[in-house]
Amino acid sequence: MAASDASGPHEFDRYEYCFPNQILTLWDADEQYDRQGGKEREVWGQVGIGNDAYAAAIAMNTGKNEL
């Protein structure tokens, strides 16, 4: 998914990550969500899908201006 976003290099952040060209966010990676793998790997707990207003709100709330 990161490779197809074409928005440059991607770095893992367990709290949240936004794919800016797709307006898709991943939130709260934690081992507790790894139901199939015995809670050994971090799995995203929430997914957000939105429009330009959603992306702007995320940028404002996280202090990230790359959106």
PDB file of N, CA and C in Angstrom:
ATOM      1  N   MET A   1       0.812  -1.179   0.000  1.00  0.00           N
ATOM      2  CA  MET A   1       0.000   0.000   0.000  1.00  0.00           C
ATOM      3  C   MET A   1       0.870   1.264   0.000  1.00  0.00           C
ATOM      4  N   ALA A   2       1.899   1.277   0.830  1.00  0.00           N
ATOM      5  CA  ALA A   2       2.784   2.442   0.895  1.00  0.00           C
ATOM      6  C   ALA A   2       3.481   2.677  -0.441  1.00  0.00           C
ATOM      7  N   ALA A   3       3.895   1.613  -1.089  1.00  0.00           N
ATOM      8  CA  ALA A   3       4.595   1.756  -2.363  1.00  0.00           C
ATOM      9  C   ALA A   3       3.687   2.339  -3.449  1.00  0.00           C
ATOM     10  N   SER A   4       2.416   1.962  -3.438  1.00  0.00           N
ATOM     11  CA  SER A   4       1.507   2.462  -4.465  1.00  0.00           C
ATOM     12  C   SER A   4       1.016   3.880  -4.180  1.00  0.00           C
ATOM     13  N   ASP A   5       1.263   4.394  -2.977  1.00  0.00           N
ATOM     14  CA  ASP A   5       0.832   5.742  -2.621  1.00  0.00           C
ATOM     15  C   ASP A   5       1.640   6.805  -3.359  1.00  0.00           C
ATOM     16  N   ALA A   6       2.875   6.506  -3.701  1.00  0.00           N
ATOM     17  CA  ALA A   6       3.756   7.412  -4.446  1.00  0.00           C
ATOM     18  C   ALA A   6       3.932   8.765  -3.759  1.00  0.00           C
ATOM     19  N   SER A   7       3.985   8.755  -2.425  1.00  0.00           N
ATOM     20  CA  SER A   7       4.160  10.014  -1.695  1.00  0.00           C
ATOM     21  C   SER A   7       5.500  10.067  -0.970  1.00  0.00           C
ATOM     22  N   GLY A   8       6.461   9.276  -1.432  1.00  0.00           N
ATOM     23  CA  GLY A   8       7.790   9.316  -0.833  1.00  0.00           C
ATOM     24  C   GLY A   8       7.998   8.215   0.183  1.00  0.00           C
ATOM     25  N   PRO A   9       9.093   8.329   0.940  1.00  0.00           N
ATOM     26  CA  PRO A   9       9.414   7.288   1.916  1.00  0.00           C
ATOM     27  C   PRO A   9       8.405   7.250   3.062  1.00  0.00           C
ATOM     28  N   HIS A  10       8.191   6.073   3.605  1.00  0.00           N
ATOM     29  CA  HIS A  10       7.235   5.876   4.694  1.00  0.00           C
ATOM     30  C   HIS A  10       7.957   5.301   5.902  1.00  0.00           C
ATOM     31  N   GLU A  11       7.631   5.830   7.062  1.00  0.00           N
ATOM     32  CA  GLU A  11       8.245   5.380   8.311  1.00  0.00           C
ATOM     33  C   GLU A  11       7.141   4.939   9.268  1.00  0.00           C
ATOM     34  N   PHE A  12       7.301   3.771   9.885  1.00  0.00           N
ATOM     35  CA  PHE A  12       6.298   3.237  10.797  1.00  0.00           C
ATOM     36  C   PHE A  12       6.146   4.117  12.027  1.00  0.00           C
ATOM     37  N   ASP A  13       4.925   4.411  12.387  1.00  0.00           N
ATOM     38  CA  ASP A  13       4.576   5.133  13.608  1.00  0.00           C
ATOM     39  C   ASP A  13       3.415   4.362  14.221  1.00  0.00           C
ATOM     40  N   ARG A  14       3.630   3.741  15.364  1.00  0.00           N
ATOM     41  CA  ARG A  14       2.612   2.857  15.925  1.00  0.00           C
ATOM     42  C   ARG A  14       1.340   3.579  16.322  1.00  0.00           C
ATOM     43  N   TYR A  15       1.392   4.906  16.514  1.00  0.00           N
ATOM     44  CA  TYR A  15       0.177   5.638  16.893  1.00  0.00           C
ATOM     45  C   TYR A  15      -0.728   5.900  15.682  1.00  0.00           C
ATOM     46  N   GLU A  16      -0.155   6.425  14.629  1.00  0.00           N
ATOM     47  CA  GLU A  16      -0.979   6.711  13.447  1.00  0.00           C
ATOM     48  C   GLU A  16      -0.107   6.845  12.215  1.00  0.00           C
ATOM     49  N   TYR A  17      -0.729   6.581  11.071  1.00  0.00           N
ATOM     50  CA  TYR A  17      -0.067   6.840   9.801  1.00  0.00           C
ATOM     51  C   TYR A  17      -1.124   7.222   8.782  1.00  0.00           C
ATOM     52  N   CYS A  18      -0.836   8.235   8.009  1.00  0.00           N
ATOM     53  CA  CYS A  18      -1.761   8.678   6.967  1.00  0.00           C
ATOM     54  C   CYS A  18      -1.090   8.534   5.605  1.00  0.00           C
ATOM     55  N   PHE A  19      -1.775   7.883   4.683  1.00  0.00           N
ATOM     56  CA  PHE A  19      -1.334   7.833   3.297  1.00  0.00           C
ATOM     57  C   PHE A  19      -1.914   9.076   2.631  1.00  0.00           C
ATOM     58  N   PRO A  20      -1.134  10.143   2.473  1.00  0.00           N
ATOM     59  CA  PRO A  20      -1.678  11.424   2.045  1.00  0.00           C
ATOM     60  C   PRO A  20      -2.313  11.441   0.660  1.00  0.00           C
ATOM     61  N   ASN A  21      -1.854  10.626  -0.247  1.00  0.00           N
ATOM     62  CA  ASN A  21      -2.434  10.626  -1.595  1.00  0.00           C
ATOM     63  C   ASN A  21      -3.712   9.798  -1.681  1.00  0.00           C
ATOM     64  N   GLN A  22      -4.023   9.046  -0.632  1.00  0.00           N
ATOM     65  CA  GLN A  22      -5.221   8.207  -0.641  1.00  0.00           C
ATOM     66  C   GLN A  22      -6.222   8.613   0.434  1.00  0.00           C
ATOM     67  N   ILE A  23      -5.848   9.562   1.299  1.00  0.00           N
ATOM     68  CA  ILE A  23      -6.655  10.000   2.434  1.00  0.00           C
ATOM     69  C   ILE A  23      -7.160   8.783   3.211  1.00  0.00           C
ATOM     70  N   LEU A  24      -6.196   7.991   3.631  1.00  0.00           N
ATOM     71  CA  LEU A  24      -6.437   6.780   4.397  1.00  0.00           C
ATOM     72  C   LEU A  24      -5.504   6.816   5.601  1.00  0.00           C
ATOM     73  N   THR A  25      -6.049   6.623   6.779  1.00  0.00           N
ATOM     74  CA  THR A  25      -5.217   6.630   7.980  1.00  0.00           C
ATOM     75  C   THR A  25      -5.298   5.295   8.693  1.00  0.00           C
ATOM     76  N   LEU A  26      -4.206   4.941   9.325  1.00  0.00           N
ATOM     77  CA  LEU A  26      -4.143   3.746  10.158  1.00  0.00           C
ATOM     78  C   LEU A  26      -3.796   4.214  11.567  1.00  0.00           C
ATOM     79  N   TRP A  27      -4.519   3.717  12.564  1.00  0.00           N
ATOM     80  CA  TRP A  27      -4.371   4.196  13.932  1.00  0.00           C
ATOM     81  C   TRP A  27      -4.117   3.053  14.911  1.00  0.00           C
ATOM     82  N   ASP A  28      -3.346   3.346  15.937  1.00  0.00           N
ATOM     83  CA  ASP A  28      -3.185   2.516  17.139  1.00  0.00           C
ATOM     84  C   ASP A  28      -2.723   1.077  16.881  1.00  0.00           C
ATOM     85  N   ALA A  29      -1.540   0.928  16.310  1.00  0.00           N
ATOM     86  CA  ALA A  29      -0.978  -0.413  16.114  1.00  0.00           C
ATOM     87  C   ALA A  29      -0.583  -0.993  17.477  1.00  0.00           C
ATOM     88  N   ASP A  30      -0.997  -2.208  17.734  1.00  0.00           N
ATOM     89  CA  ASP A  30      -0.698  -2.842  19.014  1.00  0.00           C
ATOM     90  C   ASP A  30      -0.797  -4.354  18.864  1.00  0.00           C
ATOM     91  N   GLU A  31      -0.055  -5.066  19.697  1.00  0.00           N
ATOM     92  CA  GLU A  31      -0.064  -6.529  19.663  1.00  0.00           C
ATOM     93  C   GLU A  31      -1.428  -7.108  20.040  1.00  0.00           C
ATOM     94  N   GLN A  32      -2.216  -6.394  20.836  1.00  0.00           N
ATOM     95  CA  GLN A  32      -3.503  -6.924  21.281  1.00  0.00           C
ATOM     96  C   GLN A  32      -4.470  -7.179  20.124  1.00  0.00           C
ATOM     97  N   TYR A  33      -4.230  -6.553  18.975  1.00  0.00           N
ATOM     98  CA  TYR A  33      -5.115  -6.732  17.824  1.00  0.00           C
ATOM     99  C   TYR A  33      -4.700  -7.903  16.928  1.00  0.00           C
ATOM    100  N   ASP A  34      -3.597  -8.554  17.241  1.00  0.00           N
ATOM    101  CA  ASP A  34      -3.111  -9.697  16.451  1.00  0.00           C
ATOM    102  C   ASP A  34      -3.840 -10.957  16.899  1.00  0.00           C
ATOM    103  N   ARG A  35      -5.060 -11.114  16.450  1.00  0.00           N
ATOM    104  CA  ARG A  35      -5.887 -12.255  16.854  1.00  0.00           C
ATOM    105  C   ARG A  35      -5.414 -13.567  16.224  1.00  0.00           C
ATOM    106  N   GLN A  36      -4.900 -13.512  15.017  1.00  0.00           N
ATOM    107  CA  GLN A  36      -4.505 -14.731  14.311  1.00  0.00           C
ATOM    108  C   GLN A  36      -3.082 -15.160  14.640  1.00  0.00           C
ATOM    109  N   GLY A  37      -2.231 -14.225  15.011  1.00  0.00           N
ATOM    110  CA  GLY A  37      -0.824 -14.543  15.235  1.00  0.00           C
ATOM    111  C   GLY A  37      -0.423 -14.667  16.694  1.00  0.00           C
ATOM    112  N   GLY A  38      -1.402 -14.814  17.581  1.00  0.00           N
ATOM    113  CA  GLY A  38      -1.076 -14.999  18.983  1.00  0.00           C
ATOM    114  C   GLY A  38      -0.587 -13.738  19.674  1.00  0.00           C
ATOM    115  N   LYS A  39      -1.009 -12.583  19.169  1.00  0.00           N
ATOM    116  CA  LYS A  39      -0.667 -11.285  19.762  1.00  0.00           C
ATOM    117  C   LYS A  39       0.837 -11.042  19.825  1.00  0.00           C
ATOM    118  N   GLU A  40       1.534 -11.427  18.734  1.00  0.00           N
ATOM    119  CA  GLU A  40       2.981 -11.272  18.684  1.00  0.00           C
ATOM    120  C   GLU A  40       3.434 -10.121  17.776  1.00  0.00           C
ATOM    121  N   ARG A  41       2.582  -9.656  16.880  1.00  0.00           N
ATOM    122  CA  ARG A  41       2.986  -8.573  15.980  1.00  0.00           C
ATOM    123  C   ARG A  41       1.990  -7.423  16.110  1.00  0.00           C
ATOM    124  N   GLU A  42       2.448  -6.220  15.786  1.00  0.00           N
ATOM    125  CA  GLU A  42       1.572  -5.060  15.863  1.00  0.00           C
ATOM    126  C   GLU A  42       0.618  -5.042  14.677  1.00  0.00           C
ATOM    127  N   VAL A  43      -0.647  -4.875  14.957  1.00  0.00           N
ATOM    128  CA  VAL A  43      -1.694  -4.810  13.950  1.00  0.00           C
ATOM    129  C   VAL A  43      -2.464  -3.517  14.188  1.00  0.00           C
ATOM    130  N   TRP A  44      -2.867  -2.858  13.113  1.00  0.00           N
ATOM    131  CA  TRP A  44      -3.601  -1.599  13.244  1.00  0.00           C
ATOM    132  C   TRP A  44      -4.961  -1.849  13.865  1.00  0.00           C
ATOM    133  N   GLY A  45      -5.340  -1.019  14.829  1.00  0.00           N
ATOM    134  CA  GLY A  45      -6.615  -1.157  15.528  1.00  0.00           C
ATOM    135  C   GLY A  45      -7.761  -0.441  14.842  1.00  0.00           C
ATOM    136  N   GLN A  46      -7.466   0.620  14.087  1.00  0.00           N
ATOM    137  CA  GLN A  46      -8.512   1.404  13.441  1.00  0.00           C
ATOM    138  C   GLN A  46      -8.048   1.861  12.064  1.00  0.00           C
ATOM    139  N   VAL A  47      -9.007   2.023  11.176  1.00  0.00           N
ATOM    140  CA  VAL A  47      -8.731   2.536   9.838  1.00  0.00           C
ATOM    141  C   VAL A  47      -9.677   3.704   9.598  1.00  0.00           C
ATOM    142  N   GLY A  48      -9.152   4.784   9.036  1.00  0.00           N
ATOM    143  CA  GLY A  48      -9.991   5.926   8.693  1.00  0.00           C
ATOM    144  C   GLY A  48      -9.912   6.202   7.208  1.00  0.00           C
ATOM    145  N   ILE A  49     -11.055   6.454   6.605  1.00  0.00           N
ATOM    146  CA  ILE A  49     -11.127   6.778   5.184  1.00  0.00           C
ATOM    147  C   ILE A  49     -11.908   8.080   5.069  1.00  0.00           C
ATOM    148  N   GLY A  50     -11.393   9.031   4.301  1.00  0.00           N
ATOM    149  CA  GLY A  50     -12.083  10.307   4.242  1.00  0.00           C
ATOM    150  C   GLY A  50     -11.853  11.082   2.968  1.00  0.00           C
ATOM    151  N   ASN A  51     -12.212  12.361   3.046  1.00  0.00           N
ATOM    152  CA  ASN A  51     -12.068  13.274   1.915  1.00  0.00           C
ATOM    153  C   ASN A  51     -11.038  14.346   2.275  1.00  0.00           C
ATOM    154  N   ASP A  52     -10.972  15.421   1.494  1.00  0.00           N
ATOM    155  CA  ASP A  52     -10.002  16.486   1.744  1.00  0.00           C
ATOM    156  C   ASP A  52     -10.190  17.136   3.111  1.00  0.00           C
ATOM    157  N   ALA A  53     -11.436  17.294   3.562  1.00  0.00           N
ATOM    158  CA  ALA A  53     -11.700  17.887   4.876  1.00  0.00           C
ATOM    159  C   ALA A  53     -11.161  16.986   5.987  1.00  0.00           C
ATOM    160  N   TYR A  54     -11.298  15.680   5.826  1.00  0.00           N
ATOM    161  CA  TYR A  54     -10.769  14.710   6.787  1.00  0.00           C
ATOM    162  C   TYR A  54      -9.248  14.820   6.854  1.00  0.00           C
ATOM    163  N   ALA A  55      -8.608  14.899   5.715  1.00  0.00           N
ATOM    164  CA  ALA A  55      -7.147  15.015   5.664  1.00  0.00           C
ATOM    165  C   ALA A  55      -6.688  16.301   6.342  1.00  0.00           C
ATOM    166  N   ALA A  56      -7.403  17.405   6.104  1.00  0.00           N
ATOM    167  CA  ALA A  56      -7.044  18.678   6.728  1.00  0.00           C
ATOM    168  C   ALA A  56      -7.204  18.620   8.241  1.00  0.00           C
ATOM    169  N   ALA A  57      -8.251  17.960   8.720  1.00  0.00           N
ATOM    170  CA  ALA A  57      -8.469  17.829  10.161  1.00  0.00           C
ATOM    171  C   ALA A  57      -7.371  16.991  10.803  1.00  0.00           C
ATOM    172  N   ILE A  58      -6.940  15.925  10.139  1.00  0.00           N
ATOM    173  CA  ILE A  58      -5.856  15.097  10.660  1.00  0.00           C
ATOM    174  C   ILE A  58      -4.574  15.914  10.734  1.00  0.00           C
ATOM    175  N   ALA A  59      -4.280  16.663   9.686  1.00  0.00           N
ATOM    176  CA  ALA A  59      -3.066  17.475   9.652  1.00  0.00           C
ATOM    177  C   ALA A  59      -3.087  18.506  10.778  1.00  0.00           C
ATOM    178  N   MET A  60      -4.236  19.110  11.034  1.00  0.00           N
ATOM    179  CA  MET A  60      -4.345  20.116  12.081  1.00  0.00           C
ATOM    180  C   MET A  60      -4.185  19.482  13.471  1.00  0.00           C
ATOM    181  N   ASN A  61      -4.798  18.321  13.672  1.00  0.00           N
ATOM    182  CA  ASN A  61      -4.776  17.672  14.983  1.00  0.00           C
ATOM    183  C   ASN A  61      -3.468  16.981  15.309  1.00  0.00           C
ATOM    184  N   THR A  62      -2.731  16.587  14.299  1.00  0.00           N
ATOM    185  CA  THR A  62      -1.459  15.888  14.556  1.00  0.00           C
ATOM    186  C   THR A  62      -0.259  16.815  14.397  1.00  0.00           C
ATOM    187  N   GLY A  63      -0.490  18.015  13.912  1.00  0.00           N
ATOM    188  CA  GLY A  63       0.603  18.949  13.701  1.00  0.00           C
ATOM    189  C   GLY A  63       1.458  18.620  12.506  1.00  0.00           C
ATOM    190  N   LYS A  64       0.937  17.772  11.628  1.00  0.00           N
ATOM    191  CA  LYS A  64       1.689  17.379  10.430  1.00  0.00           C
ATOM    192  C   LYS A  64       1.111  18.117   9.233  1.00  0.00           C
ATOM    193  N   ASN A  65       1.975  18.759   8.486  1.00  0.00           N
ATOM    194  CA  ASN A  65       1.530  19.577   7.370  1.00  0.00           C
ATOM    195  C   ASN A  65       1.747  18.929   6.019  1.00  0.00           C
ATOM    196  N   GLU A  66       2.082  17.632   5.980  1.00  0.00           N
ATOM    197  CA  GLU A  66       2.365  17.008   4.696  1.00  0.00           C
ATOM    198  C   GLU A  66       1.117  16.613   3.944  1.00  0.00           C
ATOM    199  N   LEU A  67      -0.068  16.820   4.496  1.00  0.00           N
ATOM    200  CA  LEU A  67      -1.298  16.418   3.824  1.00  0.00           C
ATOM    201  C   LEU A  67      -1.774  17.477   2.876  1.00  0.00           C
TER     202      LEU A  67
END
